[in-house]
N, C-alpha and C. Protein backbone atom coordinates (compact mmCIF):
# COMPACT_ATOMS: atom_id res chain seq x y z
N UNK A 1 122.63 50.78 92.76
CA UNK A 1 122.06 52.10 92.73
C UNK A 1 122.70 52.99 93.80
N UNK A 2 122.85 52.45 95.00
CA UNK A 2 123.44 53.23 96.08
C UNK A 2 124.96 53.07 96.15
N UNK A 3 125.50 52.18 95.34
CA UNK A 3 126.95 51.91 95.38
C UNK A 3 127.78 53.16 95.07
N UNK A 4 127.45 53.96 94.03
CA UNK A 4 128.26 55.16 93.76
C UNK A 4 128.21 56.16 94.91
N UNK A 5 127.05 56.28 95.53
CA UNK A 5 126.92 57.22 96.65
C UNK A 5 127.75 56.73 97.83
N UNK A 6 127.65 55.44 98.11
CA UNK A 6 128.43 54.88 99.22
C UNK A 6 129.93 55.03 98.98
N UNK A 7 130.36 54.83 97.72
CA UNK A 7 131.79 54.99 97.41
C UNK A 7 132.24 56.43 97.63
N UNK A 8 131.43 57.38 97.23
CA UNK A 8 131.78 58.79 97.41
C UNK A 8 131.84 59.15 98.89
N UNK A 9 130.88 58.66 99.66
CA UNK A 9 130.90 58.92 101.10
C UNK A 9 132.11 58.27 101.77
N UNK A 10 132.43 57.05 101.36
CA UNK A 10 133.60 56.38 101.93
C UNK A 10 134.88 57.13 101.59
N UNK A 11 134.97 57.65 100.35
CA UNK A 11 136.16 58.41 99.95
C UNK A 11 136.27 59.70 100.76
N UNK A 12 135.16 60.34 100.99
CA UNK A 12 135.17 61.57 101.79
C UNK A 12 135.57 61.27 103.24
N UNK A 13 135.03 60.21 103.80
CA UNK A 13 135.37 59.81 105.16
C UNK A 13 136.85 59.45 105.27
N UNK A 14 137.39 58.74 104.27
CA UNK A 14 138.80 58.38 104.27
C UNK A 14 139.67 59.63 104.18
N UNK A 15 139.22 60.60 103.38
CA UNK A 15 139.96 61.86 103.27
C UNK A 15 139.98 62.62 104.58
N UNK A 16 138.87 62.60 105.32
CA UNK A 16 138.84 63.26 106.62
C UNK A 16 139.78 62.58 107.61
N UNK A 17 139.85 61.26 107.53
CA UNK A 17 140.73 60.51 108.43
C UNK A 17 142.20 60.72 108.08
N UNK A 18 142.50 61.02 106.82
CA UNK A 18 143.89 61.17 106.38
C UNK A 18 144.44 62.56 106.64
N UNK A 19 143.73 63.40 107.35
CA UNK A 19 144.30 64.69 107.69
C UNK A 19 143.49 65.89 107.23
N UNK A 20 142.42 65.71 106.47
CA UNK A 20 141.58 66.85 106.09
C UNK A 20 140.86 67.33 107.34
N UNK A 21 141.03 68.59 107.66
CA UNK A 21 140.44 69.12 108.89
C UNK A 21 139.15 69.89 108.66
N UNK A 22 138.80 70.25 107.46
CA UNK A 22 137.59 71.03 107.21
C UNK A 22 137.65 71.69 105.86
N UNK A 23 136.94 72.83 105.75
CA UNK A 23 136.87 73.55 104.48
C UNK A 23 138.09 74.42 104.28
N UNK A 24 138.43 74.64 103.03
CA UNK A 24 139.54 75.54 102.73
C UNK A 24 139.04 76.97 102.76
N UNK A 25 139.97 77.91 102.80
CA UNK A 25 139.61 79.33 102.82
C UNK A 25 138.87 79.72 101.54
N UNK A 26 139.26 79.18 100.42
CA UNK A 26 138.60 79.49 99.14
C UNK A 26 137.15 79.02 99.17
N UNK A 27 136.92 77.83 99.69
CA UNK A 27 135.54 77.33 99.77
C UNK A 27 134.67 78.24 100.64
N UNK A 28 135.19 78.67 101.76
CA UNK A 28 134.44 79.56 102.64
C UNK A 28 134.18 80.91 101.98
N UNK A 29 135.17 81.45 101.27
CA UNK A 29 134.98 82.73 100.58
C UNK A 29 133.92 82.63 99.49
N UNK A 30 133.90 81.52 98.78
CA UNK A 30 132.89 81.34 97.73
C UNK A 30 131.49 81.32 98.35
N UNK A 31 131.34 80.64 99.46
CA UNK A 31 130.04 80.60 100.14
C UNK A 31 129.62 82.00 100.60
N UNK A 32 130.54 82.74 101.19
CA UNK A 32 130.23 84.10 101.65
C UNK A 32 129.84 85.00 100.48
N UNK A 33 130.53 84.89 99.37
CA UNK A 33 130.20 85.70 98.18
C UNK A 33 128.82 85.34 97.64
N UNK A 34 128.50 84.06 97.60
CA UNK A 34 127.18 83.64 97.12
C UNK A 34 126.09 84.18 98.04
N UNK A 35 126.28 84.12 99.34
CA UNK A 35 125.29 84.65 100.28
C UNK A 35 125.14 86.16 100.09
N UNK A 36 126.23 86.86 99.86
CA UNK A 36 126.18 88.30 99.62
C UNK A 36 125.40 88.65 98.37
N UNK A 37 125.60 87.89 97.32
CA UNK A 37 124.87 88.12 96.07
C UNK A 37 123.38 87.90 96.27
N UNK A 38 123.02 86.83 96.95
CA UNK A 38 121.61 86.55 97.22
C UNK A 38 120.97 87.65 98.07
N UNK A 39 121.70 88.15 99.06
CA UNK A 39 121.18 89.24 99.89
C UNK A 39 121.01 90.51 99.06
N UNK A 40 121.94 90.79 98.16
CA UNK A 40 121.85 91.99 97.32
C UNK A 40 120.63 91.93 96.40
N UNK A 41 120.22 90.75 96.05
CA UNK A 41 119.03 90.59 95.21
C UNK A 41 117.76 90.68 96.05
N UNK A 42 117.76 90.05 97.23
CA UNK A 42 116.54 89.92 98.02
C UNK A 42 116.14 91.19 98.76
N UNK A 43 117.09 91.96 99.27
CA UNK A 43 116.76 93.13 100.10
C UNK A 43 115.98 94.19 99.33
N UNK A 44 116.39 94.60 98.12
CA UNK A 44 115.58 95.60 97.39
C UNK A 44 114.18 95.10 97.05
N UNK A 45 114.05 93.82 96.76
CA UNK A 45 112.72 93.26 96.48
C UNK A 45 111.85 93.36 97.72
N UNK A 46 112.41 93.03 98.87
CA UNK A 46 111.66 93.09 100.13
C UNK A 46 111.22 94.52 100.44
N UNK A 47 112.12 95.49 100.23
CA UNK A 47 111.76 96.89 100.49
C UNK A 47 110.64 97.35 99.56
N UNK A 48 110.68 96.92 98.30
CA UNK A 48 109.62 97.28 97.37
C UNK A 48 108.27 96.73 97.79
N UNK A 49 108.27 95.53 98.34
CA UNK A 49 107.03 94.93 98.81
C UNK A 49 106.50 95.69 100.01
N UNK A 50 107.38 96.12 100.90
CA UNK A 50 106.95 96.92 102.06
C UNK A 50 106.30 98.23 101.61
N UNK A 51 106.90 98.90 100.63
CA UNK A 51 106.33 100.15 100.13
C UNK A 51 104.97 99.93 99.51
N UNK A 52 104.81 98.85 98.75
CA UNK A 52 103.51 98.55 98.16
C UNK A 52 102.46 98.30 99.25
N UNK A 53 102.85 97.65 100.32
CA UNK A 53 101.92 97.38 101.41
C UNK A 53 101.50 98.68 102.10
N UNK A 54 102.45 99.62 102.29
CA UNK A 54 102.10 100.90 102.91
C UNK A 54 101.14 101.68 102.02
N UNK A 55 101.39 101.70 100.72
CA UNK A 55 100.50 102.40 99.80
C UNK A 55 99.11 101.77 99.81
N UNK A 56 99.04 100.44 99.85
CA UNK A 56 97.75 99.75 99.88
C UNK A 56 96.98 100.07 101.16
N UNK A 57 97.69 100.17 102.29
CA UNK A 57 97.03 100.49 103.56
C UNK A 57 96.45 101.90 103.52
N UNK A 58 97.20 102.85 102.97
CA UNK A 58 96.71 104.24 102.86
C UNK A 58 95.50 104.29 101.93
N UNK A 59 95.59 103.58 100.82
CA UNK A 59 94.48 103.56 99.86
C UNK A 59 93.23 102.96 100.51
N UNK A 60 93.40 101.93 101.30
CA UNK A 60 92.27 101.31 102.00
C UNK A 60 91.66 102.27 103.01
N UNK A 61 92.52 102.98 103.76
CA UNK A 61 92.02 103.94 104.74
C UNK A 61 91.21 105.05 104.08
N UNK A 62 91.71 105.56 102.95
CA UNK A 62 90.99 106.62 102.23
C UNK A 62 89.65 106.09 101.72
N UNK A 63 89.65 104.88 101.21
CA UNK A 63 88.40 104.27 100.73
C UNK A 63 87.40 104.08 101.87
N UNK A 64 87.88 103.66 103.03
CA UNK A 64 87.00 103.48 104.19
C UNK A 64 86.41 104.81 104.65
N UNK A 65 87.23 105.86 104.64
CA UNK A 65 86.73 107.18 105.03
C UNK A 65 85.70 107.68 104.03
N UNK A 66 85.94 107.45 102.75
CA UNK A 66 84.98 107.86 101.72
C UNK A 66 83.65 107.13 101.91
N UNK A 67 83.72 105.83 102.19
CA UNK A 67 82.50 105.05 102.40
C UNK A 67 81.71 105.57 103.61
N UNK A 68 82.43 105.91 104.68
CA UNK A 68 81.76 106.45 105.87
C UNK A 68 81.12 107.80 105.57
N UNK A 69 81.80 108.64 104.79
CA UNK A 69 81.23 109.94 104.43
C UNK A 69 79.97 109.78 103.58
N UNK A 70 80.00 108.84 102.64
CA UNK A 70 78.81 108.60 101.81
C UNK A 70 77.66 108.09 102.68
N UNK A 71 77.95 107.20 103.62
CA UNK A 71 76.91 106.68 104.52
C UNK A 71 76.34 107.80 105.38
N UNK A 72 77.21 108.69 105.86
CA UNK A 72 76.76 109.83 106.66
C UNK A 72 75.84 110.72 105.82
N UNK A 73 76.26 111.02 104.60
CA UNK A 73 75.45 111.85 103.71
C UNK A 73 74.10 111.23 103.41
N UNK A 74 74.09 109.92 103.26
CA UNK A 74 72.82 109.22 103.00
C UNK A 74 71.87 109.34 104.18
N UNK A 75 72.40 109.19 105.37
CA UNK A 75 71.56 109.29 106.57
C UNK A 75 71.07 110.71 106.84
N UNK A 76 71.77 111.71 106.32
CA UNK A 76 71.41 113.11 106.60
C UNK A 76 70.91 113.83 105.34
N UNK A 77 70.23 113.10 104.49
CA UNK A 77 69.62 113.66 103.28
C UNK A 77 70.58 114.47 102.43
N UNK A 78 71.80 114.00 102.32
CA UNK A 78 72.79 114.67 101.47
C UNK A 78 73.53 115.81 102.14
N UNK A 79 73.11 116.22 103.32
CA UNK A 79 73.79 117.32 104.00
C UNK A 79 74.97 116.75 104.79
N UNK A 80 76.16 117.15 104.40
CA UNK A 80 77.36 116.61 105.04
C UNK A 80 78.04 117.64 105.93
N UNK A 81 77.40 118.76 106.16
CA UNK A 81 78.04 119.83 106.90
C UNK A 81 78.37 119.44 108.34
N UNK A 82 77.66 118.49 108.91
CA UNK A 82 77.93 118.09 110.29
C UNK A 82 78.85 116.90 110.43
N UNK A 83 79.42 116.45 109.33
CA UNK A 83 80.28 115.26 109.38
C UNK A 83 81.57 115.59 110.12
N UNK A 84 81.78 114.92 111.21
CA UNK A 84 83.00 115.05 111.99
C UNK A 84 83.60 113.67 112.16
N UNK A 85 84.85 113.65 112.50
CA UNK A 85 85.53 112.37 112.67
C UNK A 85 84.85 111.55 113.76
N UNK A 86 84.40 112.21 114.81
CA UNK A 86 83.77 111.48 115.91
C UNK A 86 82.44 110.85 115.49
N UNK A 87 81.73 111.47 114.58
CA UNK A 87 80.45 110.92 114.14
C UNK A 87 80.63 109.82 113.09
N UNK A 88 81.76 109.76 112.42
CA UNK A 88 81.95 108.77 111.36
C UNK A 88 82.20 107.37 111.91
N UNK A 89 82.50 107.25 113.18
CA UNK A 89 82.69 105.93 113.79
C UNK A 89 81.43 105.09 113.72
N UNK A 90 80.28 105.74 113.78
CA UNK A 90 79.02 105.00 113.70
C UNK A 90 78.74 104.52 112.28
N UNK A 91 79.51 105.00 111.32
CA UNK A 91 79.35 104.59 109.93
C UNK A 91 80.49 103.68 109.46
N UNK A 92 81.21 103.11 110.41
CA UNK A 92 82.22 102.12 110.07
C UNK A 92 83.64 102.61 109.94
N UNK A 93 83.89 103.90 110.15
CA UNK A 93 85.25 104.40 110.03
C UNK A 93 85.89 104.48 111.40
N UNK A 94 86.92 103.67 111.60
CA UNK A 94 87.56 103.64 112.92
C UNK A 94 88.91 104.35 112.93
N UNK A 95 89.25 105.02 111.88
CA UNK A 95 90.53 105.71 111.81
C UNK A 95 91.54 104.94 110.97
N UNK A 96 92.71 105.50 110.80
CA UNK A 96 93.72 104.87 109.94
C UNK A 96 94.26 103.59 110.56
N UNK A 97 94.71 102.67 109.71
CA UNK A 97 95.24 101.39 110.18
C UNK A 97 96.54 101.58 110.95
N UNK A 98 97.40 102.45 110.48
CA UNK A 98 98.68 102.72 111.17
C UNK A 98 99.17 104.10 110.76
N UNK A 99 99.35 104.98 111.74
CA UNK A 99 99.79 106.34 111.43
C UNK A 99 101.19 106.35 110.84
N UNK A 100 101.98 105.30 111.05
CA UNK A 100 103.34 105.24 110.51
C UNK A 100 103.34 105.13 108.99
N UNK A 101 102.20 104.83 108.38
CA UNK A 101 102.13 104.73 106.91
C UNK A 101 101.99 106.09 106.24
N UNK A 102 101.82 107.15 107.03
CA UNK A 102 101.54 108.46 106.48
C UNK A 102 102.73 109.39 106.63
N UNK A 103 102.91 110.28 105.67
CA UNK A 103 103.99 111.25 105.71
C UNK A 103 103.83 112.13 106.93
N UNK A 104 104.89 112.22 107.72
CA UNK A 104 104.87 113.06 108.90
C UNK A 104 103.88 112.60 109.95
N UNK A 105 103.41 111.35 109.86
CA UNK A 105 102.45 110.85 110.83
C UNK A 105 101.05 111.41 110.65
N UNK A 106 100.82 112.22 109.60
CA UNK A 106 99.48 112.76 109.37
C UNK A 106 98.59 111.68 108.80
N UNK A 107 97.34 111.76 109.10
CA UNK A 107 96.37 110.75 108.68
C UNK A 107 95.43 111.35 107.66
N UNK A 108 94.52 110.55 107.06
CA UNK A 108 93.64 111.10 106.03
C UNK A 108 92.83 112.30 106.54
N UNK A 109 92.67 113.27 105.67
CA UNK A 109 91.85 114.45 105.97
C UNK A 109 90.77 114.55 104.92
N UNK A 110 89.63 115.09 105.30
CA UNK A 110 88.60 115.31 104.29
C UNK A 110 88.16 116.76 104.29
N UNK A 111 87.80 117.23 103.11
CA UNK A 111 87.35 118.60 102.92
C UNK A 111 85.90 118.55 102.47
N UNK A 112 85.07 119.35 103.09
CA UNK A 112 83.65 119.40 102.74
C UNK A 112 83.32 120.71 102.05
N UNK A 113 82.50 120.64 101.03
CA UNK A 113 81.98 121.85 100.40
C UNK A 113 80.84 122.35 101.28
N UNK A 114 80.92 123.57 101.72
CA UNK A 114 79.92 124.06 102.68
C UNK A 114 78.72 124.73 102.03
N UNK A 115 78.83 125.15 100.78
CA UNK A 115 77.69 125.85 100.20
C UNK A 115 76.52 124.90 99.93
N UNK A 116 76.62 123.89 99.07
CA UNK A 116 75.50 122.95 99.01
C UNK A 116 75.59 121.89 100.10
N UNK A 117 76.78 121.71 100.68
CA UNK A 117 76.95 120.77 101.77
C UNK A 117 76.99 119.32 101.36
N UNK A 118 77.20 119.04 100.08
CA UNK A 118 77.18 117.64 99.67
C UNK A 118 78.51 117.13 99.13
N UNK A 119 79.36 118.00 98.70
CA UNK A 119 80.62 117.55 98.11
C UNK A 119 81.69 117.30 99.16
N UNK A 120 82.60 116.38 98.87
CA UNK A 120 83.72 116.15 99.78
C UNK A 120 84.92 115.63 99.01
N UNK A 121 86.06 115.77 99.62
CA UNK A 121 87.32 115.32 99.04
C UNK A 121 88.17 114.74 100.18
N UNK A 122 88.68 113.52 100.01
CA UNK A 122 89.51 112.87 101.02
C UNK A 122 90.92 112.78 100.47
N UNK A 123 91.92 113.21 101.25
CA UNK A 123 93.31 113.16 100.79
C UNK A 123 94.21 112.57 101.88
N UNK A 124 95.26 111.89 101.43
CA UNK A 124 96.29 111.36 102.33
C UNK A 124 97.55 111.13 101.51
N UNK A 125 98.71 111.20 102.17
CA UNK A 125 99.98 110.95 101.50
C UNK A 125 100.73 109.86 102.25
N UNK A 126 101.12 108.84 101.51
CA UNK A 126 101.87 107.72 102.08
C UNK A 126 103.32 108.11 102.33
N UNK A 127 104.01 107.37 103.18
CA UNK A 127 105.43 107.64 103.44
C UNK A 127 106.28 107.43 102.19
N UNK A 128 105.76 106.72 101.21
CA UNK A 128 106.50 106.51 99.96
C UNK A 128 106.34 107.70 99.01
N UNK A 129 105.51 108.67 99.38
CA UNK A 129 105.29 109.85 98.53
C UNK A 129 104.06 109.73 97.64
N UNK A 130 103.39 108.61 97.69
CA UNK A 130 102.18 108.42 96.88
C UNK A 130 101.02 109.16 97.53
N UNK A 131 100.37 110.01 96.74
CA UNK A 131 99.21 110.76 97.23
C UNK A 131 97.96 109.98 96.85
N UNK A 132 97.08 109.79 97.80
CA UNK A 132 95.85 109.03 97.58
C UNK A 132 94.68 109.99 97.80
N UNK A 133 93.79 110.06 96.81
CA UNK A 133 92.65 110.97 96.89
C UNK A 133 91.36 110.25 96.52
N UNK A 134 90.26 110.74 97.06
CA UNK A 134 88.93 110.26 96.70
C UNK A 134 87.97 111.42 96.86
N UNK A 135 87.03 111.53 95.94
CA UNK A 135 86.04 112.61 96.01
C UNK A 135 84.65 112.02 95.91
N UNK A 136 83.66 112.89 96.13
CA UNK A 136 82.28 112.44 96.05
C UNK A 136 81.92 111.99 94.63
N UNK A 137 82.66 112.47 93.65
CA UNK A 137 82.34 112.14 92.26
C UNK A 137 83.39 111.25 91.60
N UNK A 138 84.28 110.62 92.38
CA UNK A 138 85.30 109.76 91.79
C UNK A 138 85.64 108.62 92.74
N UNK A 139 86.40 107.67 92.23
CA UNK A 139 86.88 106.57 93.06
C UNK A 139 88.15 106.97 93.77
N UNK A 140 88.80 106.00 94.38
CA UNK A 140 90.06 106.23 95.08
C UNK A 140 91.18 106.16 94.05
N UNK A 141 91.99 107.24 93.98
CA UNK A 141 93.08 107.34 93.02
C UNK A 141 94.39 107.48 93.78
N UNK A 142 95.39 106.70 93.37
CA UNK A 142 96.70 106.77 94.03
C UNK A 142 97.78 107.00 93.00
N UNK A 143 98.49 108.13 93.12
CA UNK A 143 99.66 108.43 92.28
C UNK A 143 100.38 109.60 92.91
N UNK A 144 101.62 109.81 92.51
CA UNK A 144 102.42 110.88 93.11
C UNK A 144 101.80 112.25 92.85
N UNK A 145 101.15 112.43 91.70
CA UNK A 145 100.58 113.74 91.37
C UNK A 145 99.08 113.81 91.46
N UNK A 146 98.45 112.91 92.19
CA UNK A 146 96.99 112.89 92.29
C UNK A 146 96.49 114.15 92.98
N UNK A 147 95.36 114.64 92.50
CA UNK A 147 94.74 115.80 93.14
C UNK A 147 93.24 115.58 93.21
N UNK A 148 92.64 116.33 94.09
CA UNK A 148 91.21 116.15 94.34
C UNK A 148 90.55 117.52 94.29
N UNK A 149 89.51 117.64 93.48
CA UNK A 149 88.75 118.88 93.44
C UNK A 149 87.31 118.57 93.78
N UNK A 150 86.71 119.46 94.51
CA UNK A 150 85.32 119.26 94.89
C UNK A 150 84.43 119.48 93.68
N UNK A 151 83.42 118.63 93.54
CA UNK A 151 82.48 118.78 92.44
C UNK A 151 81.71 120.09 92.57
N UNK A 152 81.44 120.48 93.79
CA UNK A 152 80.73 121.72 94.05
C UNK A 152 81.67 122.63 94.83
N UNK A 153 82.41 123.45 94.12
CA UNK A 153 83.39 124.29 94.80
C UNK A 153 82.69 125.45 95.48
N UNK A 154 83.09 125.68 96.66
CA UNK A 154 82.57 126.78 97.48
C UNK A 154 83.55 126.94 98.63
N UNK A 155 83.10 127.57 99.67
CA UNK A 155 83.96 127.62 100.86
C UNK A 155 84.09 126.19 101.35
N UNK A 156 85.26 125.81 101.74
CA UNK A 156 85.46 124.43 102.17
C UNK A 156 86.13 124.41 103.54
N UNK A 157 85.78 123.42 104.32
CA UNK A 157 86.42 123.26 105.61
C UNK A 157 87.10 121.90 105.64
N UNK A 158 88.32 121.85 106.15
CA UNK A 158 89.09 120.61 106.19
C UNK A 158 89.03 120.02 107.58
N UNK A 159 88.77 118.73 107.65
CA UNK A 159 88.71 118.01 108.93
C UNK A 159 89.73 116.90 108.86
N UNK A 160 90.59 116.82 109.86
CA UNK A 160 91.60 115.76 109.89
C UNK A 160 91.07 114.60 110.70
N UNK A 161 91.19 113.42 110.12
CA UNK A 161 90.72 112.21 110.80
C UNK A 161 91.69 111.85 111.91
N UNK A 162 91.24 111.09 112.92
CA UNK A 162 92.11 110.79 114.07
C UNK A 162 93.24 109.86 113.70
């Protein structure tokens, strides 16, 4: 069973003793070309995974901010006019996971409807160009052309999260 392997190893060892000094230039070039092909395949896949992770982080941050706004509104009988970034920390929102995930370093912002004081809209844009939005009447939506409209349109004030 091991005899063919031993014969091959002995032949290789004898060849090295007879003057073979190492690999030929062709063998080395073939290895370099194969490594180049593998790198050309792997690098774009890796970059795509990084972009998906950045979009997921932004989507999570927007969802966390929306949850904090809903909790704030619940505690204040639906009146959201006093919701500030500093007050949302008590409702579980600690700010964005990494500012580097946002276009221009901007972080999620929310807009409040001031007339009835209950509507809100949260928006953020990822470095990949994906816009992530959430409103009081919808879930978190992520797409390049996503938009957010307040259910109760009136004068609105925008607050940028830290």
